[in-house]
Amino acid sequence: MSITLIIIIITVLVSITAFSNDKVYNDFIFDPAAVTYEKQWWRFLTNGLIHADYAHLIFNMISLYMFGEIVERSFIQVFQEKGKLFYLVLYITALCACMVPIYLKHRTDNYYRSLGASGAVSAVIFAFILLYPLEKMGLLFIPVRVPSFIFGFLYLVISSFLDRRGGGNINHSAHIFGALYGIAFLIFTGYIFSDYPVLAAFIQQIRSFVGY
């Protein structure tokens, strides 16, 4: 069984449990004040195991399955026998890393809460974009598809705009920081632990696309 499927199964089981168990929900949700004042650091990780509702859970898990399986196999090509380990490390560290800037902003806010695997899923998706910048991507149920590097750029611009505008229940900051972390993680680990030129290959594919 792939690491991606194991992550999905665990996340689905914990999320469904939290839907009907207030203790699990309250103990796992990202509560920056609880981290600051009660040192409940596990919330950086556990918030990615619960979701607001079934729609939130299904959307994240479908996205993770669509891109995670490909990225996991690609990591085996990039990192050889350590590929699955690096993929798991990417996902787990992304869960935490995408919440760090949010924690620093809201660390004494007794009313701020956040949950969901969106930040880690964004990290996986943007690792895919870095590896396959010319693959066509688009939103679910919308037939328009564009090269993934263009989709990724538009995604970051729109998410940044929505984050500045505020309102709503979507944590756009986690999406942005997760996406940037996915890119940084793959470039850094690829440079240190692999002979595959991650960034150079990305640039070469973009050059071929624009005819430069």
C-alpha atoms as a PDB file:
ATOM      1  CA  MET A   1       0.000   0.000   0.000  1.00  0.00           C
ATOM      2  CA  SER A   2       1.282   3.469  -0.878  1.00  0.00           C
ATOM      3  CA  ILE A   3       2.145   6.116   1.724  1.00  0.00           C
ATOM      4  CA  THR A   4      -0.520   8.317   0.135  1.00  0.00           C
ATOM      5  CA  LEU A   5      -3.276   5.776   0.740  1.00  0.00           C
ATOM      6  CA  ILE A   6      -2.127   5.197   4.323  1.00  0.00           C
ATOM      7  CA  ILE A   7      -2.268   8.961   4.982  1.00  0.00           C
ATOM      8  CA  ILE A   8      -5.740   9.158   3.424  1.00  0.00           C
ATOM      9  CA  ILE A   9      -7.070   6.238   5.473  1.00  0.00           C
ATOM     10  CA  ILE A  10      -5.732   7.639   8.753  1.00  0.00           C
ATOM     11  CA  THR A  11      -7.026  11.135   7.980  1.00  0.00           C
ATOM     12  CA  VAL A  12     -10.477   9.893   6.997  1.00  0.00           C
ATOM     13  CA  LEU A  13     -10.811   7.731  10.120  1.00  0.00           C
ATOM     14  CA  VAL A  14      -9.692  10.500  12.482  1.00  0.00           C
ATOM     15  CA  SER A  15     -11.824  13.136  10.745  1.00  0.00           C
ATOM     16  CA  ILE A  16     -14.956  10.998  10.859  1.00  0.00           C
ATOM     17  CA  THR A  17     -14.311  10.297  14.530  1.00  0.00           C
ATOM     18  CA  ALA A  18     -13.953  14.031  15.224  1.00  0.00           C
ATOM     19  CA  PHE A  19     -17.267  14.794  13.505  1.00  0.00           C
ATOM     20  CA  SER A  20     -19.081  13.103  16.375  1.00  0.00           C
ATOM     21  CA  ASN A  21     -16.533  13.412  19.166  1.00  0.00           C
ATOM     22  CA  ASP A  22     -16.074  16.912  20.541  1.00  0.00           C
ATOM     23  CA  LYS A  23     -13.077  15.906  22.658  1.00  0.00           C
ATOM     24  CA  VAL A  24     -11.103  14.690  19.625  1.00  0.00           C
ATOM     25  CA  TYR A  25     -12.149  17.764  17.681  1.00  0.00           C
ATOM     26  CA  ASN A  26     -11.169  20.211  20.436  1.00  0.00           C
ATOM     27  CA  ASP A  27      -7.924  18.410  21.312  1.00  0.00           C
ATOM     28  CA  PHE A  28      -6.752  18.190  17.674  1.00  0.00           C
ATOM     29  CA  ILE A  29      -7.767  21.570  16.211  1.00  0.00           C
ATOM     30  CA  PHE A  30      -5.077  24.236  15.788  1.00  0.00           C
ATOM     31  CA  ASP A  31      -5.517  26.604  18.726  1.00  0.00           C
ATOM     32  CA  PRO A  32      -2.540  28.995  18.814  1.00  0.00           C
ATOM     33  CA  ALA A  33      -3.360  30.292  22.286  1.00  0.00           C
ATOM     34  CA  ALA A  34      -3.335  26.732  23.637  1.00  0.00           C
ATOM     35  CA  VAL A  35       0.091  26.252  22.043  1.00  0.00           C
ATOM     36  CA  THR A  36       1.390  29.480  23.564  1.00  0.00           C
ATOM     37  CA  TYR A  37      -0.023  29.219  27.049  1.00  0.00           C
ATOM     38  CA  GLU A  38      -0.393  25.447  27.526  1.00  0.00           C
ATOM     39  CA  LYS A  39       2.480  24.222  25.301  1.00  0.00           C
ATOM     40  CA  GLN A  40       0.186  21.958  23.272  1.00  0.00           C
ATOM     41  CA  TRP A  41       2.614  21.723  20.363  1.00  0.00           C
ATOM     42  CA  TRP A  42       1.012  18.576  18.964  1.00  0.00           C
ATOM     43  CA  ARG A  43      -1.714  20.759  17.464  1.00  0.00           C
ATOM     44  CA  PHE A  44       0.680  21.751  14.650  1.00  0.00           C
ATOM     45  CA  LEU A  45       0.378  18.153  13.449  1.00  0.00           C
ATOM     46  CA  THR A  46      -3.040  16.972  14.579  1.00  0.00           C
ATOM     47  CA  ASN A  47      -4.976  19.843  13.014  1.00  0.00           C
ATOM     48  CA  GLY A  48      -4.269  18.222   9.646  1.00  0.00           C
ATOM     49  CA  LEU A  49      -6.069  15.052  10.702  1.00  0.00           C
ATOM     50  CA  ILE A  50      -9.476  16.687  11.197  1.00  0.00           C
ATOM     51  CA  HIS A  51     -11.781  18.626   8.875  1.00  0.00           C
ATOM     52  CA  ALA A  52     -14.734  20.988   9.117  1.00  0.00           C
ATOM     53  CA  ASP A  53     -17.189  18.701   7.310  1.00  0.00           C
ATOM     54  CA  TYR A  54     -17.417  15.886   4.775  1.00  0.00           C
ATOM     55  CA  ALA A  55     -17.069  18.235   1.798  1.00  0.00           C
ATOM     56  CA  HIS A  56     -13.828  19.654   3.229  1.00  0.00           C
ATOM     57  CA  LEU A  57     -12.497  16.162   3.915  1.00  0.00           C
ATOM     58  CA  ILE A  58     -13.481  14.709   0.527  1.00  0.00           C
ATOM     59  CA  PHE A  59     -12.024  17.615  -1.458  1.00  0.00           C
ATOM     60  CA  ASN A  60      -8.675  17.413   0.352  1.00  0.00           C
ATOM     61  CA  MET A  61      -8.412  13.645   0.116  1.00  0.00           C
ATOM     62  CA  ILE A  62      -9.354  13.530  -3.583  1.00  0.00           C
ATOM     63  CA  SER A  63      -6.714  16.186  -4.277  1.00  0.00           C
ATOM     64  CA  LEU A  64      -4.145  14.281  -2.243  1.00  0.00           C
ATOM     65  CA  TYR A  65      -4.918  11.025  -4.042  1.00  0.00           C
ATOM     66  CA  MET A  66      -4.781  12.625  -7.513  1.00  0.00           C
ATOM     67  CA  PHE A  67      -1.384  14.226  -6.988  1.00  0.00           C
ATOM     68  CA  GLY A  68       0.093  12.296  -4.063  1.00  0.00           C
ATOM     69  CA  GLU A  69       0.307   8.974  -5.859  1.00  0.00           C
ATOM     70  CA  ILE A  70       2.245  10.571  -8.730  1.00  0.00           C
ATOM     71  CA  VAL A  71       4.529  12.589  -6.458  1.00  0.00           C
ATOM     72  CA  GLU A  72       5.233   9.545  -4.297  1.00  0.00           C
ATOM     73  CA  ARG A  73       6.322   7.511  -7.330  1.00  0.00           C
ATOM     74  CA  SER A  74       8.342  10.447  -8.623  1.00  0.00           C
ATOM     75  CA  PHE A  75      10.136  10.779  -5.290  1.00  0.00           C
ATOM     76  CA  ILE A  76      11.287   7.179  -5.697  1.00  0.00           C
ATOM     77  CA  GLN A  77      12.853   8.183  -9.017  1.00  0.00           C
ATOM     78  CA  VAL A  78      14.420  11.321  -7.551  1.00  0.00           C
ATOM     79  CA  PHE A  79      15.604   9.887  -4.207  1.00  0.00           C
ATOM     80  CA  GLN A  80      15.852   6.200  -5.103  1.00  0.00           C
ATOM     81  CA  GLU A  81      15.327   3.866  -2.118  1.00  0.00           C
ATOM     82  CA  LYS A  82      14.684   6.828   0.224  1.00  0.00           C
ATOM     83  CA  GLY A  83      11.903   8.221  -1.941  1.00  0.00           C
ATOM     84  CA  LYS A  84       8.976   7.071   0.200  1.00  0.00           C
ATOM     85  CA  LEU A  85      10.693   8.342   3.342  1.00  0.00           C
ATOM     86  CA  PHE A  86      11.236  11.790   1.837  1.00  0.00           C
ATOM     87  CA  TYR A  87       7.639  11.874   0.638  1.00  0.00           C
ATOM     88  CA  LEU A  88       6.382  11.081   4.134  1.00  0.00           C
ATOM     89  CA  VAL A  89       8.700  13.697   5.623  1.00  0.00           C
ATOM     90  CA  LEU A  90       7.401  16.255   3.112  1.00  0.00           C
ATOM     91  CA  TYR A  91       3.807  15.643   4.123  1.00  0.00           C
ATOM     92  CA  ILE A  92       4.348  15.573   7.892  1.00  0.00           C
ATOM     93  CA  THR A  93       6.638  18.600   8.007  1.00  0.00           C
ATOM     94  CA  ALA A  94       4.321  20.523   5.670  1.00  0.00           C
ATOM     95  CA  LEU A  95       1.455  20.017   8.142  1.00  0.00           C
ATOM     96  CA  CYS A  96       3.518  21.848  10.736  1.00  0.00           C
ATOM     97  CA  ALA A  97       5.445  24.309   8.569  1.00  0.00           C
ATOM     98  CA  CYS A  98       2.388  25.869   6.945  1.00  0.00           C
ATOM     99  CA  MET A  99       1.034  26.742  10.407  1.00  0.00           C
ATOM    100  CA  VAL A 100       4.169  28.439  11.744  1.00  0.00           C
ATOM    101  CA  PRO A 101       3.534  31.883  10.156  1.00  0.00           C
ATOM    102  CA  ILE A 102      -0.125  31.616  11.176  1.00  0.00           C
ATOM    103  CA  TYR A 103       0.895  30.777  14.736  1.00  0.00           C
ATOM    104  CA  LEU A 104       3.246  33.746  14.903  1.00  0.00           C
ATOM    105  CA  LYS A 105       0.401  36.025  13.791  1.00  0.00           C
ATOM    106  CA  HIS A 106      -2.268  34.588  16.112  1.00  0.00           C
ATOM    107  CA  ARG A 107      -0.234  33.151  19.007  1.00  0.00           C
ATOM    108  CA  THR A 108      -2.198  35.078  21.672  1.00  0.00           C
ATOM    109  CA  ASP A 109      -5.557  35.062  19.890  1.00  0.00           C
ATOM    110  CA  ASN A 110      -8.006  33.107  22.054  1.00  0.00           C
ATOM    111  CA  TYR A 111     -10.598  32.984  19.276  1.00  0.00           C
ATOM    112  CA  TYR A 112      -8.558  31.812  16.278  1.00  0.00           C
ATOM    113  CA  ARG A 113      -8.942  28.195  15.155  1.00  0.00           C
ATOM    114  CA  SER A 114      -7.801  26.292  12.081  1.00  0.00           C
ATOM    115  CA  LEU A 115      -8.054  22.716  10.845  1.00  0.00           C
ATOM    116  CA  GLY A 116      -7.613  20.557   7.766  1.00  0.00           C
ATOM    117  CA  ALA A 117      -4.868  19.042   5.636  1.00  0.00           C
ATOM    118  CA  SER A 118      -5.008  21.771   2.989  1.00  0.00           C
ATOM    119  CA  GLY A 119      -1.508  23.103   3.705  1.00  0.00           C
ATOM    120  CA  ALA A 120       0.134  19.695   3.366  1.00  0.00           C
ATOM    121  CA  VAL A 121      -1.951  18.874   0.291  1.00  0.00           C
ATOM    122  CA  SER A 122      -0.827  22.166  -1.260  1.00  0.00           C
ATOM    123  CA  ALA A 123       2.791  21.175  -0.568  1.00  0.00           C
ATOM    124  CA  VAL A 124       2.278  17.903  -2.436  1.00  0.00           C
ATOM    125  CA  ILE A 125       0.520  19.633  -5.347  1.00  0.00           C
ATOM    126  CA  PHE A 126       3.288  22.192  -5.743  1.00  0.00           C
ATOM    127  CA  ALA A 127       5.925  19.467  -5.566  1.00  0.00           C
ATOM    128  CA  PHE A 128       4.032  17.964  -8.523  1.00  0.00           C
ATOM    129  CA  ILE A 129       4.103  21.331 -10.318  1.00  0.00           C
ATOM    130  CA  LEU A 130       7.850  21.619  -9.773  1.00  0.00           C
ATOM    131  CA  LEU A 131       8.396  18.152 -11.239  1.00  0.00           C
ATOM    132  CA  TYR A 132       5.808  18.399 -14.039  1.00  0.00           C
ATOM    133  CA  PRO A 133       5.344  22.098 -14.884  1.00  0.00           C
ATOM    134  CA  LEU A 134       3.845  21.420 -18.312  1.00  0.00           C
ATOM    135  CA  GLU A 135       1.188  18.921 -17.232  1.00  0.00           C
ATOM    136  CA  LYS A 136      -2.314  20.331 -17.641  1.00  0.00           C
ATOM    137  CA  MET A 137      -4.165  21.293 -14.451  1.00  0.00           C
ATOM    138  CA  GLY A 138      -7.464  22.904 -13.552  1.00  0.00           C
ATOM    139  CA  LEU A 139     -10.162  23.016 -10.922  1.00  0.00           C
ATOM    140  CA  LEU A 140     -12.425  20.051 -10.277  1.00  0.00           C
ATOM    141  CA  PHE A 141     -15.586  20.056 -12.405  1.00  0.00           C
ATOM    142  CA  ILE A 142     -14.290  22.933 -14.579  1.00  0.00           C
ATOM    143  CA  PRO A 143     -13.105  21.696 -18.008  1.00  0.00           C
ATOM    144  CA  VAL A 144     -10.493  24.436 -18.615  1.00  0.00           C
ATOM    145  CA  ARG A 145      -6.918  23.147 -18.229  1.00  0.00           C
ATOM    146  CA  VAL A 146      -3.621  25.060 -18.347  1.00  0.00           C
ATOM    147  CA  PRO A 147       0.039  24.064 -17.807  1.00  0.00           C
ATOM    148  CA  SER A 148       0.551  23.368 -14.131  1.00  0.00           C
ATOM    149  CA  PHE A 149       3.132  26.144 -13.603  1.00  0.00           C
ATOM    150  CA  ILE A 150       0.586  28.684 -14.851  1.00  0.00           C
ATOM    151  CA  PHE A 151      -2.128  27.157 -12.665  1.00  0.00           C
ATOM    152  CA  GLY A 152       0.217  27.301  -9.668  1.00  0.00           C
ATOM    153  CA  PHE A 153       1.035  30.964 -10.265  1.00  0.00           C
ATOM    154  CA  LEU A 154      -2.648  31.890 -10.583  1.00  0.00           C
ATOM    155  CA  TYR A 155      -3.455  29.824  -7.501  1.00  0.00           C
ATOM    156  CA  LEU A 156      -0.914  31.733  -5.403  1.00  0.00           C
ATOM    157  CA  VAL A 157      -2.044  35.130  -6.704  1.00  0.00           C
ATOM    158  CA  ILE A 158      -5.728  34.417  -6.065  1.00  0.00           C
ATOM    159  CA  SER A 159      -5.055  32.859  -2.652  1.00  0.00           C
ATOM    160  CA  SER A 160      -2.960  35.883  -1.677  1.00  0.00           C
ATOM    161  CA  PHE A 161      -5.752  38.250  -2.732  1.00  0.00           C
ATOM    162  CA  LEU A 162      -8.391  36.278  -0.828  1.00  0.00           C
ATOM    163  CA  ASP A 163      -6.152  36.082   2.227  1.00  0.00           C
ATOM    164  CA  ARG A 164      -5.678  39.863   2.297  1.00  0.00           C
ATOM    165  CA  ARG A 165      -9.393  40.443   1.774  1.00  0.00           C
ATOM    166  CA  GLY A 166     -10.234  38.217   4.717  1.00  0.00           C
ATOM    167  CA  GLY A 167     -13.605  36.742   5.587  1.00  0.00           C
ATOM    168  CA  GLY A 168     -14.856  33.246   4.943  1.00  0.00           C
ATOM    169  CA  ASN A 169     -13.765  30.045   6.612  1.00  0.00           C
ATOM    170  CA  ILE A 170     -10.951  29.025   4.271  1.00  0.00           C
ATOM    171  CA  ASN A 171      -7.390  29.309   5.588  1.00  0.00           C
ATOM    172  CA  HIS A 172      -5.767  30.754   2.482  1.00  0.00           C
ATOM    173  CA  SER A 173      -2.550  31.431   4.406  1.00  0.00           C
ATOM    174  CA  ALA A 174      -2.071  27.702   5.009  1.00  0.00           C
ATOM    175  CA  HIS A 175      -2.531  27.061   1.285  1.00  0.00           C
ATOM    176  CA  ILE A 176       0.090  29.660   0.375  1.00  0.00           C
ATOM    177  CA  PHE A 177       2.673  28.658   2.982  1.00  0.00           C
ATOM    178  CA  GLY A 178       2.111  24.974   2.250  1.00  0.00           C
ATOM    179  CA  ALA A 179       2.639  25.538  -1.468  1.00  0.00           C
ATOM    180  CA  LEU A 180       5.838  27.514  -0.921  1.00  0.00           C
ATOM    181  CA  TYR A 181       7.094  24.923   1.544  1.00  0.00           C
ATOM    182  CA  GLY A 182       6.499  22.097  -0.962  1.00  0.00           C
ATOM    183  CA  ILE A 183       8.628  23.922  -3.531  1.00  0.00           C
ATOM    184  CA  ALA A 184      11.397  24.762  -1.049  1.00  0.00           C
ATOM    185  CA  PHE A 185      11.463  21.243   0.405  1.00  0.00           C
ATOM    186  CA  LEU A 186      11.892  19.539  -2.953  1.00  0.00           C
ATOM    187  CA  ILE A 187      14.538  21.975  -4.198  1.00  0.00           C
ATOM    188  CA  PHE A 188      16.540  21.727  -0.970  1.00  0.00           C
ATOM    189  CA  THR A 189      16.342  17.968  -0.469  1.00  0.00           C
ATOM    190  CA  GLY A 190      16.883  17.356  -4.174  1.00  0.00           C
ATOM    191  CA  TYR A 191      20.062  19.433  -4.102  1.00  0.00           C
ATOM    192  CA  ILE A 192      21.417  17.722  -0.973  1.00  0.00           C
ATOM    193  CA  PHE A 193      20.252  14.124  -1.343  1.00  0.00           C
ATOM    194  CA  SER A 194      19.764  13.503  -5.065  1.00  0.00           C
ATOM    195  CA  ASP A 195      21.609  13.765  -8.346  1.00  0.00           C
ATOM    196  CA  TYR A 196      18.401  14.791 -10.095  1.00  0.00           C
ATOM    197  CA  PRO A 197      18.564  18.537 -10.957  1.00  0.00           C
ATOM    198  CA  VAL A 198      15.105  19.493  -9.705  1.00  0.00           C
ATOM    199  CA  LEU A 199      15.289  23.230 -10.304  1.00  0.00           C
ATOM    200  CA  ALA A 200      17.339  22.999 -13.521  1.00  0.00           C
ATOM    201  CA  ALA A 201      14.888  20.464 -14.976  1.00  0.00           C
ATOM    202  CA  PHE A 202      11.973  22.729 -14.092  1.00  0.00           C
ATOM    203  CA  ILE A 203      13.612  25.729 -15.763  1.00  0.00           C
ATOM    204  CA  GLN A 204      14.483  23.695 -18.852  1.00  0.00           C
ATOM    205  CA  GLN A 205      10.866  22.587 -19.259  1.00  0.00           C
ATOM    206  CA  ILE A 206       9.627  26.173 -18.956  1.00  0.00           C
ATOM    207  CA  ARG A 207      12.183  27.299 -21.539  1.00  0.00           C
ATOM    208  CA  SER A 208      11.035  24.627 -23.953  1.00  0.00           C
ATOM    209  CA  PHE A 209       7.434  25.730 -23.448  1.00  0.00           C
ATOM    210  CA  VAL A 210       8.140  29.394 -24.229  1.00  0.00           C
ATOM    211  CA  GLY A 211      10.535  28.465 -27.032  1.00  0.00           C
ATOM    212  CA  TYR A 212      13.576  30.042 -25.412  1.00  0.00           C
END
